[in-house]
Amino acid sequence: MSTAPDPTPAEPRPALVFDDPLDQQSSDDTDRGWGDRPRTENDSAADLKRFLDEKPPHHI
């Protein structure tokens, strides 16, 4: 009445990687990973927008 499970898996398992994870760069190692905006050259409008966005409310 019961059937035996299929011995072969539907998808192959991923290979185990034993590399040192600290040798790889993570998103936190970059300015972009910390939420910084991409740097633009001589873009005073973007600098003003960033200043106004990041100014604490008690400085308005």
Protein backbone atom coordinates (compact mmCIF):
# COMPACT_ATOMS: atom_id res chain seq x y z
CA MET A 1 0.00 0.00 0.00
CA SER A 2 2.81 2.44 0.75
CA THR A 3 5.45 3.26 -1.81
CA ALA A 4 9.11 3.75 -1.06
CA PRO A 5 10.46 7.30 -1.51
CA ASP A 6 12.50 8.01 -4.60
CA PRO A 7 16.21 7.66 -3.61
CA THR A 8 17.36 10.39 -6.04
CA PRO A 9 16.62 13.99 -4.98
CA ALA A 10 14.78 16.27 -7.39
CA GLU A 11 17.57 18.89 -7.32
CA PRO A 12 21.25 18.34 -6.61
CA ARG A 13 22.48 19.77 -3.34
CA PRO A 14 24.81 22.78 -3.53
CA ALA A 15 28.46 22.07 -2.96
CA LEU A 16 29.97 22.97 0.38
CA VAL A 17 32.49 25.82 0.21
CA PHE A 18 35.16 25.96 2.88
CA ASP A 19 36.74 29.28 1.83
CA ASP A 20 37.46 31.93 4.43
CA PRO A 21 34.40 34.23 4.41
CA LEU A 22 36.50 37.13 5.68
CA ASP A 23 38.51 37.11 2.44
CA GLN A 24 35.42 38.16 0.49
CA GLN A 25 34.12 41.73 0.39
CA SER A 26 30.64 42.18 1.81
CA SER A 27 28.23 45.03 1.19
CA ASP A 28 29.12 46.46 4.61
CA ASP A 29 32.72 46.92 3.44
CA THR A 30 31.62 49.64 1.01
CA ASP A 31 30.05 53.06 1.50
CA ARG A 32 27.04 51.84 -0.48
CA GLY A 33 26.45 49.10 2.10
CA TRP A 34 26.08 51.70 4.84
CA GLY A 35 23.39 53.58 2.91
CA ASP A 36 25.57 56.32 1.46
CA ARG A 37 24.53 57.81 -1.82
CA PRO A 38 26.77 57.40 -4.86
CA ARG A 39 29.31 60.20 -5.11
CA THR A 40 28.79 62.77 -7.86
CA GLU A 41 31.38 65.31 -8.93
CA ASN A 42 30.53 69.00 -8.43
CA ASP A 43 26.81 68.41 -8.00
CA SER A 44 25.87 71.21 -5.60
CA ALA A 45 22.13 70.49 -5.96
CA ALA A 46 22.68 66.91 -4.76
CA ASP A 47 24.84 68.18 -1.88
CA LEU A 48 22.11 70.61 -0.81
CA LYS A 49 19.44 67.90 -1.03
CA ARG A 50 21.55 65.56 1.09
CA PHE A 51 22.19 68.32 3.62
CA LEU A 52 18.48 69.08 3.92
CA ASP A 53 17.55 65.38 4.10
CA GLU A 54 20.05 64.62 6.85
CA LYS A 55 19.63 67.78 8.94
CA PRO A 56 18.18 67.04 12.39
CA PRO A 57 14.67 68.41 12.97
CA HIS A 58 15.83 70.84 15.67
CA HIS A 59 18.07 72.60 13.11
CA ILE A 60 15.24 73.60 10.78
